[in-house]
Amino acid sequence: MLIRIVKMSFHSGKVASFLALFDEYKEKIKASEGCTKLVLMQDQADPTIFFTYSEWNNEESLNKYRYSPLFKTVWTQTKALFSAKAEAWSLNKTIEL
C-alpha cells in the first residue's frame, strides 16, 4: 500500500473555489483504479492550507491516476488557486495500531 500526502496552500479568496472543485471531483478521484481512500483535511491554524491523504494499492496505481486526463483537469484548475507551490510525499505504511 502506498500513501500519498499533498499539502496545498491557497489564496484566502480562493478557498471556496477549491472546496467546490474538490467536491465536484472527489468521487471520480476516489473511483480511480487502485485508490482505496481519499481524505481532505484543513489546517487548524491556517484555513488556507489543505492536505489530501490518499491510499493506493501501489505506485503503479498512483502513477496511472497522475498521468490520466482526470488528474490533468483537476490539477490544472487547482494549481491556478495556489498561493505557494504544492508539496507531496509518497509513503509506505509501516505500523498501524
N, C-alpha and C. Protein backbone atom coordinates (compact mmCIF):
# COMPACT_ATOMS: atom_id res chain seq x y z
N MET A 1 0.84 -1.17 0.00
CA MET A 1 0.00 0.00 0.00
C MET A 1 0.89 1.24 0.00
N LEU A 2 0.49 2.22 -0.78
CA LEU A 2 1.20 3.49 -0.87
C LEU A 2 0.30 4.59 -0.34
N ILE A 3 0.84 5.46 0.47
CA ILE A 3 0.10 6.60 0.99
C ILE A 3 0.65 7.85 0.33
N ARG A 4 -0.22 8.70 -0.12
CA ARG A 4 0.18 9.95 -0.77
C ARG A 4 -0.42 11.10 0.04
N ILE A 5 0.44 12.01 0.46
CA ILE A 5 0.01 13.21 1.17
C ILE A 5 0.44 14.41 0.34
N VAL A 6 -0.49 15.32 0.08
CA VAL A 6 -0.19 16.52 -0.70
C VAL A 6 -0.64 17.73 0.12
N LYS A 7 0.29 18.66 0.31
CA LYS A 7 0.00 19.92 1.01
C LYS A 7 -0.23 21.01 -0.02
N MET A 8 -1.34 21.73 0.13
CA MET A 8 -1.68 22.80 -0.80
C MET A 8 -2.03 24.06 -0.03
N SER A 9 -1.47 25.19 -0.44
CA SER A 9 -1.77 26.48 0.16
C SER A 9 -2.50 27.33 -0.88
N PHE A 10 -3.60 27.94 -0.45
CA PHE A 10 -4.45 28.69 -1.37
C PHE A 10 -4.52 30.17 -0.98
N HIS A 11 -4.76 31.00 -1.97
CA HIS A 11 -5.08 32.40 -1.69
C HIS A 11 -6.37 32.40 -0.88
N SER A 12 -6.45 33.28 0.12
CA SER A 12 -7.62 33.26 1.02
C SER A 12 -8.94 33.41 0.27
N GLY A 13 -8.97 34.18 -0.78
CA GLY A 13 -10.19 34.36 -1.55
C GLY A 13 -10.52 33.20 -2.48
N LYS A 14 -9.65 32.18 -2.53
CA LYS A 14 -9.84 31.05 -3.44
C LYS A 14 -10.22 29.75 -2.73
N VAL A 15 -10.32 29.78 -1.40
CA VAL A 15 -10.62 28.55 -0.65
C VAL A 15 -11.98 27.99 -1.06
N ALA A 16 -12.98 28.83 -1.15
CA ALA A 16 -14.32 28.35 -1.52
C ALA A 16 -14.30 27.72 -2.92
N SER A 17 -13.55 28.31 -3.83
CA SER A 17 -13.44 27.74 -5.18
C SER A 17 -12.78 26.37 -5.13
N PHE A 18 -11.74 26.24 -4.31
CA PHE A 18 -11.08 24.93 -4.19
C PHE A 18 -12.04 23.90 -3.62
N LEU A 19 -12.76 24.26 -2.57
CA LEU A 19 -13.69 23.31 -1.95
C LEU A 19 -14.77 22.87 -2.93
N ALA A 20 -15.25 23.79 -3.74
CA ALA A 20 -16.25 23.43 -4.76
C ALA A 20 -15.63 22.49 -5.80
N LEU A 21 -14.40 22.77 -6.20
CA LEU A 21 -13.70 21.92 -7.16
C LEU A 21 -13.48 20.53 -6.60
N PHE A 22 -13.03 20.45 -5.35
CA PHE A 22 -12.81 19.15 -4.72
C PHE A 22 -14.12 18.36 -4.63
N ASP A 23 -15.18 19.05 -4.26
CA ASP A 23 -16.48 18.39 -4.15
C ASP A 23 -16.94 17.84 -5.51
N GLU A 24 -16.64 18.58 -6.55
CA GLU A 24 -17.04 18.17 -7.90
C GLU A 24 -16.31 16.89 -8.36
N TYR A 25 -15.05 16.74 -7.96
CA TYR A 25 -14.23 15.65 -8.49
C TYR A 25 -13.90 14.54 -7.50
N LYS A 26 -14.23 14.69 -6.23
CA LYS A 26 -13.79 13.72 -5.21
C LYS A 26 -14.24 12.29 -5.51
N GLU A 27 -15.44 12.09 -5.96
CA GLU A 27 -15.92 10.74 -6.25
C GLU A 27 -15.19 10.12 -7.43
N LYS A 28 -14.89 10.94 -8.44
CA LYS A 28 -14.16 10.43 -9.60
C LYS A 28 -12.73 10.07 -9.22
N ILE A 29 -12.11 10.89 -8.38
CA ILE A 29 -10.75 10.59 -7.92
C ILE A 29 -10.77 9.29 -7.12
N LYS A 30 -11.69 9.19 -6.18
CA LYS A 30 -11.80 8.00 -5.32
C LYS A 30 -12.08 6.75 -6.16
N ALA A 31 -12.76 6.91 -7.26
CA ALA A 31 -13.10 5.77 -8.13
C ALA A 31 -11.95 5.37 -9.05
N SER A 32 -10.86 6.12 -9.01
CA SER A 32 -9.70 5.76 -9.84
C SER A 32 -9.19 4.38 -9.44
N GLU A 33 -8.81 3.61 -10.44
CA GLU A 33 -8.33 2.25 -10.19
C GLU A 33 -7.16 2.27 -9.20
N GLY A 34 -7.30 1.52 -8.12
CA GLY A 34 -6.24 1.41 -7.13
C GLY A 34 -6.33 2.37 -5.97
N CYS A 35 -7.24 3.34 -6.03
CA CYS A 35 -7.42 4.28 -4.92
C CYS A 35 -8.39 3.66 -3.92
N THR A 36 -7.94 3.49 -2.69
CA THR A 36 -8.78 2.86 -1.68
C THR A 36 -9.28 3.83 -0.62
N LYS A 37 -8.69 5.03 -0.58
CA LYS A 37 -9.12 6.01 0.42
C LYS A 37 -8.71 7.40 -0.06
N LEU A 38 -9.59 8.38 0.21
CA LEU A 38 -9.30 9.78 -0.11
C LEU A 38 -9.87 10.65 0.99
N VAL A 39 -9.01 11.48 1.60
CA VAL A 39 -9.42 12.35 2.69
C VAL A 39 -8.89 13.75 2.41
N LEU A 40 -9.73 14.75 2.65
CA LEU A 40 -9.29 16.14 2.58
C LEU A 40 -9.27 16.68 4.00
N MET A 41 -8.16 17.33 4.37
CA MET A 41 -8.01 17.89 5.71
C MET A 41 -7.62 19.36 5.59
N GLN A 42 -8.08 20.15 6.56
CA GLN A 42 -7.77 21.58 6.60
C GLN A 42 -6.97 21.88 7.86
N ASP A 43 -5.92 22.68 7.72
CA ASP A 43 -5.09 23.06 8.85
C ASP A 43 -5.92 23.83 9.88
N GLN A 44 -5.74 23.51 11.16
CA GLN A 44 -6.49 24.19 12.22
C GLN A 44 -6.08 25.64 12.38
N ALA A 45 -4.80 25.92 12.25
CA ALA A 45 -4.30 27.27 12.49
C ALA A 45 -4.40 28.19 11.27
N ASP A 46 -4.32 27.61 10.09
CA ASP A 46 -4.35 28.41 8.86
C ASP A 46 -5.37 27.79 7.90
N PRO A 47 -6.54 28.40 7.80
CA PRO A 47 -7.61 27.81 6.98
C PRO A 47 -7.35 27.85 5.47
N THR A 48 -6.22 28.41 5.06
CA THR A 48 -5.90 28.41 3.63
C THR A 48 -5.01 27.23 3.24
N ILE A 49 -4.64 26.40 4.23
CA ILE A 49 -3.78 25.24 3.97
C ILE A 49 -4.60 23.97 4.08
N PHE A 50 -4.49 23.13 3.05
CA PHE A 50 -5.20 21.86 2.99
C PHE A 50 -4.22 20.74 2.69
N PHE A 51 -4.59 19.55 3.11
CA PHE A 51 -3.83 18.34 2.79
C PHE A 51 -4.79 17.32 2.22
N THR A 52 -4.34 16.59 1.21
CA THR A 52 -5.07 15.40 0.80
C THR A 52 -4.26 14.20 1.28
N TYR A 53 -4.98 13.21 1.75
CA TYR A 53 -4.41 11.94 2.18
C TYR A 53 -5.09 10.89 1.34
N SER A 54 -4.32 10.14 0.59
CA SER A 54 -4.93 9.08 -0.23
C SER A 54 -4.12 7.81 -0.08
N GLU A 55 -4.81 6.70 -0.20
CA GLU A 55 -4.18 5.38 -0.15
C GLU A 55 -4.39 4.71 -1.49
N TRP A 56 -3.30 4.10 -1.98
CA TRP A 56 -3.29 3.46 -3.29
C TRP A 56 -2.76 2.05 -3.16
N ASN A 57 -3.20 1.16 -4.01
CA ASN A 57 -2.73 -0.22 -3.97
C ASN A 57 -1.22 -0.30 -4.15
N ASN A 58 -0.69 0.57 -5.03
CA ASN A 58 0.75 0.56 -5.31
C ASN A 58 1.10 1.82 -6.09
N GLU A 59 2.39 1.99 -6.33
CA GLU A 59 2.87 3.18 -7.07
C GLU A 59 2.33 3.20 -8.49
N GLU A 60 2.18 2.05 -9.09
CA GLU A 60 1.65 1.98 -10.45
C GLU A 60 0.23 2.57 -10.51
N SER A 61 -0.58 2.26 -9.53
CA SER A 61 -1.95 2.80 -9.48
C SER A 61 -1.93 4.32 -9.35
N LEU A 62 -1.09 4.82 -8.45
CA LEU A 62 -0.98 6.27 -8.27
C LEU A 62 -0.52 6.92 -9.57
N ASN A 63 0.50 6.37 -10.18
CA ASN A 63 1.01 6.97 -11.42
C ASN A 63 0.01 6.91 -12.55
N LYS A 64 -0.77 5.85 -12.60
CA LYS A 64 -1.82 5.77 -13.63
C LYS A 64 -2.80 6.93 -13.47
N TYR A 65 -3.16 7.23 -12.23
CA TYR A 65 -4.03 8.39 -11.97
C TYR A 65 -3.31 9.70 -12.30
N ARG A 66 -2.06 9.82 -11.87
CA ARG A 66 -1.31 11.08 -12.06
C ARG A 66 -1.11 11.42 -13.53
N TYR A 67 -1.15 10.43 -14.41
CA TYR A 67 -0.97 10.68 -15.84
C TYR A 67 -2.29 10.57 -16.62
N SER A 68 -3.39 10.60 -15.88
CA SER A 68 -4.72 10.47 -16.52
C SER A 68 -5.28 11.85 -16.91
N PRO A 69 -6.22 11.85 -17.85
CA PRO A 69 -6.90 13.09 -18.20
C PRO A 69 -7.63 13.71 -16.99
N LEU A 70 -8.16 12.87 -16.10
CA LEU A 70 -8.84 13.38 -14.91
C LEU A 70 -7.87 14.20 -14.06
N PHE A 71 -6.69 13.65 -13.79
CA PHE A 71 -5.72 14.38 -12.98
C PHE A 71 -5.33 15.69 -13.66
N LYS A 72 -5.09 15.64 -14.96
CA LYS A 72 -4.70 16.86 -15.68
C LYS A 72 -5.76 17.94 -15.53
N THR A 73 -7.01 17.56 -15.64
CA THR A 73 -8.11 18.52 -15.49
C THR A 73 -8.16 19.10 -14.08
N VAL A 74 -8.15 18.21 -13.10
CA VAL A 74 -8.27 18.65 -11.70
C VAL A 74 -7.05 19.47 -11.29
N TRP A 75 -5.87 19.00 -11.60
CA TRP A 75 -4.65 19.66 -11.14
C TRP A 75 -4.48 21.03 -11.80
N THR A 76 -4.81 21.15 -13.07
CA THR A 76 -4.71 22.44 -13.77
C THR A 76 -5.60 23.48 -13.10
N GLN A 77 -6.82 23.09 -12.76
CA GLN A 77 -7.74 24.03 -12.12
C GLN A 77 -7.33 24.34 -10.68
N THR A 78 -6.82 23.33 -9.98
CA THR A 78 -6.40 23.51 -8.59
C THR A 78 -5.17 24.40 -8.50
N LYS A 79 -4.18 24.14 -9.34
CA LYS A 79 -2.93 24.91 -9.32
C LYS A 79 -3.17 26.40 -9.49
N ALA A 80 -4.18 26.75 -10.26
CA ALA A 80 -4.47 28.17 -10.51
C ALA A 80 -4.90 28.91 -9.24
N LEU A 81 -5.26 28.17 -8.20
CA LEU A 81 -5.74 28.77 -6.95
C LEU A 81 -4.65 28.86 -5.88
N PHE A 82 -3.48 28.29 -6.14
CA PHE A 82 -2.41 28.20 -5.14
C PHE A 82 -1.80 29.56 -4.81
N SER A 83 -1.39 29.69 -3.55
CA SER A 83 -0.58 30.84 -3.13
C SER A 83 0.88 30.43 -2.99
N ALA A 84 1.15 29.14 -3.01
CA ALA A 84 2.52 28.60 -2.92
C ALA A 84 2.55 27.26 -3.64
N LYS A 85 3.75 26.83 -4.00
CA LYS A 85 3.91 25.55 -4.67
C LYS A 85 3.47 24.41 -3.74
N ALA A 86 2.76 23.44 -4.29
CA ALA A 86 2.32 22.27 -3.52
C ALA A 86 3.53 21.41 -3.14
N GLU A 87 3.37 20.68 -2.04
CA GLU A 87 4.38 19.72 -1.60
C GLU A 87 3.70 18.35 -1.55
N ALA A 88 4.44 17.30 -1.90
CA ALA A 88 3.84 15.97 -1.91
C ALA A 88 4.83 14.94 -1.40
N TRP A 89 4.28 13.94 -0.72
CA TRP A 89 5.07 12.84 -0.19
C TRP A 89 4.38 11.53 -0.52
N SER A 90 5.17 10.54 -0.93
CA SER A 90 4.68 9.17 -1.11
C SER A 90 5.32 8.34 -0.01
N LEU A 91 4.50 7.62 0.74
CA LEU A 91 4.97 6.91 1.93
C LEU A 91 4.49 5.48 1.93
N ASN A 92 5.26 4.62 2.56
CA ASN A 92 4.83 3.26 2.81
C ASN A 92 4.34 3.15 4.25
N LYS A 93 3.19 2.54 4.43
CA LYS A 93 2.68 2.34 5.79
C LYS A 93 3.57 1.31 6.47
N THR A 94 4.09 1.68 7.64
CA THR A 94 5.00 0.79 8.35
C THR A 94 4.31 0.09 9.50
N ILE A 95 3.64 0.85 10.36
CA ILE A 95 2.94 0.30 11.51
C ILE A 95 1.60 1.00 11.66
N GLU A 96 0.55 0.26 11.88
CA GLU A 96 -0.76 0.83 12.16
C GLU A 96 -1.30 0.14 13.39
N LEU A 97 -1.72 0.92 14.36
CA LEU A 97 -2.26 0.36 15.60
C LEU A 97 -3.76 0.50 15.64
